[in-house]
Amino acid sequence: MGLGMVAATGGVVLTVVAANPSGENGANTVFGVVMCFLVAIALLGPWAARIAAGYSACR
């Protein structure tokens, strides 16, 4: 779960960085934001599925 949180935090930081530049520099930075969030989703997906399965089994 730690690496997923790091990737999500990196995506948030890059979002703030990408908000300032314009043109080609902004577009290139947004690519990094998307990649960070994709990695975060891939790493946190099993944890979310496990939590959802445990929650539904309790009901």
PDB file of N, CA and C in Angstrom:
ATOM      1  N   MET A   1       0.830  -1.188   0.000  1.00  0.00           N
ATOM      2  CA  MET A   1       0.000   0.000   0.000  1.00  0.00           C
ATOM      3  C   MET A   1       0.869   1.244   0.000  1.00  0.00           C
ATOM      4  N   GLY A   2       2.087   1.152   0.505  1.00  0.00           N
ATOM      5  CA  GLY A   2       2.961   2.312   0.614  1.00  0.00           C
ATOM      6  C   GLY A   2       3.337   2.910  -0.729  1.00  0.00           C
ATOM      7  N   LEU A   3       3.681   2.048  -1.705  1.00  0.00           N
ATOM      8  CA  LEU A   3       4.058   2.564  -3.021  1.00  0.00           C
ATOM      9  C   LEU A   3       2.885   3.203  -3.736  1.00  0.00           C
ATOM     10  N   GLY A   4       1.694   2.679  -3.533  1.00  0.00           N
ATOM     11  CA  GLY A   4       0.508   3.272  -4.134  1.00  0.00           C
ATOM     12  C   GLY A   4       0.244   4.665  -3.595  1.00  0.00           C
ATOM     13  N   MET A   5       0.446   4.827  -2.295  1.00  0.00           N
ATOM     14  CA  MET A   5       0.249   6.142  -1.688  1.00  0.00           C
ATOM     15  C   MET A   5       1.312   7.128  -2.171  1.00  0.00           C
ATOM     16  N   VAL A   6       2.525   6.642  -2.354  1.00  0.00           N
ATOM     17  CA  VAL A   6       3.595   7.503  -2.878  1.00  0.00           C
ATOM     18  C   VAL A   6       3.251   7.958  -4.292  1.00  0.00           C
ATOM     19  N   ALA A   7       2.753   7.035  -5.113  1.00  0.00           N
ATOM     20  CA  ALA A   7       2.389   7.389  -6.484  1.00  0.00           C
ATOM     21  C   ALA A   7       1.222   8.373  -6.506  1.00  0.00           C
ATOM     22  N   ALA A   8       0.249   8.173  -5.628  1.00  0.00           N
ATOM     23  CA  ALA A   8      -0.887   9.100  -5.562  1.00  0.00           C
ATOM     24  C   ALA A   8      -0.430  10.482  -5.108  1.00  0.00           C
ATOM     25  N   THR A   9       0.461  10.531  -4.136  1.00  0.00           N
ATOM     26  CA  THR A   9       0.992  11.810  -3.668  1.00  0.00           C
ATOM     27  C   THR A   9       1.790  12.491  -4.771  1.00  0.00           C
ATOM     28  N   GLY A  10       2.575  11.715  -5.494  1.00  0.00           N
ATOM     29  CA  GLY A  10       3.316  12.277  -6.625  1.00  0.00           C
ATOM     30  C   GLY A  10       2.390  12.833  -7.685  1.00  0.00           C
ATOM     31  N   GLY A  11       1.279  12.163  -7.932  1.00  0.00           N
ATOM     32  CA  GLY A  11       0.302  12.669  -8.892  1.00  0.00           C
ATOM     33  C   GLY A  11      -0.311  13.983  -8.455  1.00  0.00           C
ATOM     34  N   VAL A  12      -0.596  14.096  -7.162  1.00  0.00           N
ATOM     35  CA  VAL A  12      -1.150  15.354  -6.641  1.00  0.00           C
ATOM     36  C   VAL A  12      -0.124  16.480  -6.762  1.00  0.00           C
ATOM     37  N   VAL A  13       1.122  16.192  -6.419  1.00  0.00           N
ATOM     38  CA  VAL A  13       2.176  17.213  -6.525  1.00  0.00           C
ATOM     39  C   VAL A  13       2.368  17.627  -7.973  1.00  0.00           C
ATOM     40  N   LEU A  14       2.398  16.665  -8.879  1.00  0.00           N
ATOM     41  CA  LEU A  14       2.556  17.001 -10.291  1.00  0.00           C
ATOM     42  C   LEU A  14       1.350  17.772 -10.834  1.00  0.00           C
ATOM     43  N   THR A  15       0.165  17.533 -10.273  1.00  0.00           N
ATOM     44  CA  THR A  15      -1.011  18.300 -10.682  1.00  0.00           C
ATOM     45  C   THR A  15      -0.828  19.773 -10.356  1.00  0.00           C
ATOM     46  N   VAL A  16      -0.288  20.055  -9.185  1.00  0.00           N
ATOM     47  CA  VAL A  16      -0.029  21.446  -8.803  1.00  0.00           C
ATOM     48  C   VAL A  16       1.029  22.054  -9.716  1.00  0.00           C
ATOM     49  N   VAL A  17       2.059  21.286 -10.030  1.00  0.00           N
ATOM     50  CA  VAL A  17       3.119  21.775 -10.916  1.00  0.00           C
ATOM     51  C   VAL A  17       2.577  22.006 -12.321  1.00  0.00           C
ATOM     52  N   ALA A  18       1.704  21.134 -12.796  1.00  0.00           N
ATOM     53  CA  ALA A  18       1.177  21.237 -14.158  1.00  0.00           C
ATOM     54  C   ALA A  18       0.187  22.377 -14.312  1.00  0.00           C
ATOM     55  N   ALA A  19      -0.320  22.914 -13.219  1.00  0.00           N
ATOM     56  CA  ALA A  19      -1.304  23.990 -13.303  1.00  0.00           C
ATOM     57  C   ALA A  19      -0.671  25.308 -13.753  1.00  0.00           C
ATOM     58  N   ASN A  20       0.632  25.477 -13.578  1.00  0.00           N
ATOM     59  CA  ASN A  20       1.261  26.757 -13.874  1.00  0.00           C
ATOM     60  C   ASN A  20       1.727  26.935 -15.321  1.00  0.00           C
ATOM     61  N   PRO A  21       2.474  26.006 -15.914  1.00  0.00           N
ATOM     62  CA  PRO A  21       2.964  26.258 -17.273  1.00  0.00           C
ATOM     63  C   PRO A  21       1.860  26.122 -18.319  1.00  0.00           C
ATOM     64  N   SER A  22       2.115  26.691 -19.478  1.00  0.00           N
ATOM     65  CA  SER A  22       1.136  26.584 -20.550  1.00  0.00           C
ATOM     66  C   SER A  22       1.823  26.051 -21.799  1.00  0.00           C
ATOM     67  N   GLY A  23       1.029  25.694 -22.768  1.00  0.00           N
ATOM     68  CA  GLY A  23       1.567  25.215 -24.030  1.00  0.00           C
ATOM     69  C   GLY A  23       2.152  23.827 -23.927  1.00  0.00           C
ATOM     70  N   GLU A  24       3.258  23.617 -24.624  1.00  0.00           N
ATOM     71  CA  GLU A  24       3.870  22.287 -24.704  1.00  0.00           C
ATOM     72  C   GLU A  24       4.403  21.819 -23.352  1.00  0.00           C
ATOM     73  N   ASN A  25       4.942  22.733 -22.555  1.00  0.00           N
ATOM     74  CA  ASN A  25       5.456  22.339 -21.232  1.00  0.00           C
ATOM     75  C   ASN A  25       4.335  21.826 -20.336  1.00  0.00           C
ATOM     76  N   GLY A  26       3.197  22.475 -20.372  1.00  0.00           N
ATOM     77  CA  GLY A  26       2.055  22.023 -19.583  1.00  0.00           C
ATOM     78  C   GLY A  26       1.550  20.669 -20.041  1.00  0.00           C
ATOM     79  N   ALA A  27       1.511  20.467 -21.359  1.00  0.00           N
ATOM     80  CA  ALA A  27       1.046  19.188 -21.903  1.00  0.00           C
ATOM     81  C   ALA A  27       1.991  18.057 -21.520  1.00  0.00           C
ATOM     82  N   ASN A  28       3.274  18.308 -21.545  1.00  0.00           N
ATOM     83  CA  ASN A  28       4.245  17.279 -21.164  1.00  0.00           C
ATOM     84  C   ASN A  28       4.153  16.954 -19.677  1.00  0.00           C
ATOM     85  N   THR A  29       3.882  17.942 -18.855  1.00  0.00           N
ATOM     86  CA  THR A  29       3.764  17.707 -17.412  1.00  0.00           C
ATOM     87  C   THR A  29       2.499  16.914 -17.100  1.00  0.00           C
ATOM     88  N   VAL A  30       1.424  17.195 -17.827  1.00  0.00           N
ATOM     89  CA  VAL A  30       0.174  16.471 -17.600  1.00  0.00           C
ATOM     90  C   VAL A  30       0.347  14.987 -17.904  1.00  0.00           C
ATOM     91  N   PHE A  31       1.184  14.643 -18.863  1.00  0.00           N
ATOM     92  CA  PHE A  31       1.463  13.236 -19.156  1.00  0.00           C
ATOM     93  C   PHE A  31       2.028  12.545 -17.914  1.00  0.00           C
ATOM     94  N   GLY A  32       2.919  13.202 -17.198  1.00  0.00           N
ATOM     95  CA  GLY A  32       3.467  12.649 -15.954  1.00  0.00           C
ATOM     96  C   GLY A  32       2.403  12.488 -14.885  1.00  0.00           C
ATOM     97  N   VAL A  33       1.471  13.430 -14.822  1.00  0.00           N
ATOM     98  CA  VAL A  33       0.378  13.339 -13.849  1.00  0.00           C
ATOM     99  C   VAL A  33      -0.466  12.098 -14.123  1.00  0.00           C
ATOM    100  N   VAL A  34      -0.820  11.919 -15.380  1.00  0.00           N
ATOM    101  CA  VAL A  34      -1.651  10.767 -15.741  1.00  0.00           C
ATOM    102  C   VAL A  34      -0.931   9.461 -15.430  1.00  0.00           C
ATOM    103  N   MET A  35       0.348   9.387 -15.736  1.00  0.00           N
ATOM    104  CA  MET A  35       1.100   8.161 -15.477  1.00  0.00           C
ATOM    105  C   MET A  35       1.187   7.879 -13.976  1.00  0.00           C
ATOM    106  N   CYS A  36       1.393   8.908 -13.158  1.00  0.00           N
ATOM    107  CA  CYS A  36       1.448   8.707 -11.700  1.00  0.00           C
ATOM    108  C   CYS A  36       0.126   8.165 -11.174  1.00  0.00           C
ATOM    109  N   PHE A  37      -0.987   8.736 -11.648  1.00  0.00           N
ATOM    110  CA  PHE A  37      -2.284   8.259 -11.173  1.00  0.00           C
ATOM    111  C   PHE A  37      -2.589   6.854 -11.679  1.00  0.00           C
ATOM    112  N   LEU A  38      -2.144   6.496 -12.889  1.00  0.00           N
ATOM    113  CA  LEU A  38      -2.336   5.133 -13.379  1.00  0.00           C
ATOM    114  C   LEU A  38      -1.563   4.126 -12.533  1.00  0.00           C
ATOM    115  N   VAL A  39      -0.347   4.476 -12.161  1.00  0.00           N
ATOM    116  CA  VAL A  39       0.445   3.586 -11.301  1.00  0.00           C
ATOM    117  C   VAL A  39      -0.206   3.477  -9.921  1.00  0.00           C
ATOM    118  N   ALA A  40      -0.704   4.591  -9.400  1.00  0.00           N
ATOM    119  CA  ALA A  40      -1.356   4.569  -8.088  1.00  0.00           C
ATOM    120  C   ALA A  40      -2.589   3.675  -8.112  1.00  0.00           C
ATOM    121  N   ILE A  41      -3.381   3.766  -9.164  1.00  0.00           N
ATOM    122  CA  ILE A  41      -4.575   2.928  -9.264  1.00  0.00           C
ATOM    123  C   ILE A  41      -4.186   1.459  -9.378  1.00  0.00           C
ATOM    124  N   ALA A  42      -3.154   1.178 -10.158  1.00  0.00           N
ATOM    125  CA  ALA A  42      -2.710  -0.212 -10.316  1.00  0.00           C
ATOM    126  C   ALA A  42      -2.207  -0.785  -8.991  1.00  0.00           C
ATOM    127  N   LEU A  43      -1.515   0.019  -8.202  1.00  0.00           N
ATOM    128  CA  LEU A  43      -0.972  -0.479  -6.942  1.00  0.00           C
ATOM    129  C   LEU A  43      -2.013  -0.530  -5.819  1.00  0.00           C
ATOM    130  N   LEU A  44      -2.987   0.367  -5.855  1.00  0.00           N
ATOM    131  CA  LEU A  44      -3.997   0.402  -4.796  1.00  0.00           C
ATOM    132  C   LEU A  44      -5.223  -0.444  -5.126  1.00  0.00           C
ATOM    133  N   GLY A  45      -5.355  -0.891  -6.384  1.00  0.00           N
ATOM    134  CA  GLY A  45      -6.514  -1.674  -6.799  1.00  0.00           C
ATOM    135  C   GLY A  45      -6.746  -2.929  -5.982  1.00  0.00           C
ATOM    136  N   PRO A  46      -5.732  -3.761  -5.767  1.00  0.00           N
ATOM    137  CA  PRO A  46      -5.954  -4.969  -4.957  1.00  0.00           C
ATOM    138  C   PRO A  46      -6.397  -4.663  -3.526  1.00  0.00           C
ATOM    139  N   TRP A  47      -5.875  -3.604  -2.948  1.00  0.00           N
ATOM    140  CA  TRP A  47      -6.284  -3.218  -1.590  1.00  0.00           C
ATOM    141  C   TRP A  47      -7.750  -2.802  -1.574  1.00  0.00           C
ATOM    142  N   ALA A  48      -8.152  -2.006  -2.578  1.00  0.00           N
ATOM    143  CA  ALA A  48      -9.547  -1.565  -2.652  1.00  0.00           C
ATOM    144  C   ALA A  48     -10.481  -2.758  -2.867  1.00  0.00           C
ATOM    145  N   ALA A  49     -10.083  -3.702  -3.706  1.00  0.00           N
ATOM    146  CA  ALA A  49     -10.906  -4.889  -3.946  1.00  0.00           C
ATOM    147  C   ALA A  49     -11.026  -5.736  -2.682  1.00  0.00           C
ATOM    148  N   ARG A  50      -9.929  -5.869  -1.970  1.00  0.00           N
ATOM    149  CA  ARG A  50      -9.950  -6.651  -0.734  1.00  0.00           C
ATOM    150  C   ARG A  50     -10.855  -6.002   0.309  1.00  0.00           C
ATOM    151  N   ILE A  51     -10.789  -4.695   0.418  1.00  0.00           N
ATOM    152  CA  ILE A  51     -11.640  -3.975   1.376  1.00  0.00           C
ATOM    153  C   ILE A  51     -13.100  -4.103   0.972  1.00  0.00           C
ATOM    154  N   ALA A  52     -13.394  -3.945  -0.324  1.00  0.00           N
ATOM    155  CA  ALA A  52     -14.771  -4.060  -0.789  1.00  0.00           C
ATOM    156  C   ALA A  52     -15.307  -5.472  -0.590  1.00  0.00           C
ATOM    157  N   ALA A  53     -14.494  -6.486  -0.828  1.00  0.00           N
ATOM    158  CA  ALA A  53     -14.943  -7.866  -0.644  1.00  0.00           C
ATOM    159  C   ALA A  53     -15.186  -8.158   0.837  1.00  0.00           C
ATOM    160  N   GLY A  54     -14.343  -7.652   1.685  1.00  0.00           N
ATOM    161  CA  GLY A  54     -14.530  -7.863   3.114  1.00  0.00           C
ATOM    162  C   GLY A  54     -15.754  -7.147   3.638  1.00  0.00           C
ATOM    163  N   TYR A  55     -16.021  -5.983   3.091  1.00  0.00           N
ATOM    164  CA  TYR A  55     -17.188  -5.220   3.532  1.00  0.00           C
ATOM    165  C   TYR A  55     -18.477  -5.896   3.086  1.00  0.00           C
ATOM    166  N   SER A  56     -18.510  -6.392   1.841  1.00  0.00           N
ATOM    167  CA  SER A  56     -19.723  -7.018   1.345  1.00  0.00           C
ATOM    168  C   SER A  56     -19.965  -8.374   2.010  1.00  0.00           C
ATOM    169  N   ALA A  57     -18.899  -9.052   2.439  1.00  0.00           N
ATOM    170  CA  ALA A  57     -19.051 -10.347   3.100  1.00  0.00           C
ATOM    171  C   ALA A  57     -19.645 -10.189   4.496  1.00  0.00           C
ATOM    172  N   CYS A  58     -19.445  -9.022   5.093  1.00  0.00           N
ATOM    173  CA  CYS A  58     -19.950  -8.775   6.439  1.00  0.00           C
ATOM    174  C   CYS A  58     -21.438  -8.409   6.449  1.00  0.00           C
ATOM    175  N   ARG A  59     -21.971  -8.047   5.326  1.00  0.00           N
ATOM    176  CA  ARG A  59     -23.378  -7.610   5.286  1.00  0.00           C
ATOM    177  C   ARG A  59     -24.314  -8.742   5.086  1.00  0.00           C
TER     178      ARG A  59
END
